[in-house]
Amino acid sequence: MTESEIRRRAPGMSPEQRREAVVRAALPLVGEHGAAVTTAQIARAAGIGEATIFRVFDDKQAVLEAVVAAALDPTVVLQELRSVSLDQPLAVRLVDAADALEAHFARVGSVLGALHATGHTGHRRPAPQTGDRERSVSATFEAVAELIEPDKDRLRLPVETLTNAFLGLLFPARVGGPSGPRTVAIEDLVDVLLYGAVKPES
């Protein structure tokens, strides 16, 4: 299929929509191949001609920068957290939240780890500002707190304390550092957090 035929099959995309489609296709490829990924591979995954990439990106480095920005963007995980039904029991809500957060950080780790392993040493554009990172962390904290809030009257600790405990338990609970295998199931972490590790006395 020629590039002109591909364009006829997918008309009407704005440059921004095309950029988003390229980045979406590139994300898993960068996670697999790092900086060694080719624009030809990305074009095939996006269902476009390779030349189309260079109509919306200056070069491959610009694509890689956009992929890193997309991996770090908390928008998707915040949407997932806010879509968790508050009608579910608290334990189920927290398991759903943990699944969403782990998937987000797995995407980040996959992309950044693969780029580092293949010699990608930096970006031409400024790194995210401290304020951006703080806003992202704050928004994530608030989204998790909102999942706990409906049960605040039956909790022994304030919602903010329990949110900090949940996030603190969730991410260090690994062997071999952040990229190591999890040895405690998410469901067990939530169970210990909510009900403790000691059986009540009969």
Foldseek 3Di string as FASTA:
>chain_A
DDQVVLCVVPDDDDLVNVLVLLLVLCLVVCLVQNPPDDLCSSCVSSSHDSVVVCVNAVDVLRSLVVNLVVLPDCVVLLVQLQPQDLVDDLLVSLLSNLVSVVVSVVSNCSNVVNNVVVPNDDHPDDDDDPVVVVVSVVSSLVSNLVSCVVVQVVDPDHSSVLSVVSVVQRQVQAPPHRPHDHPDDSSRSSCCSRPNDDDDDD
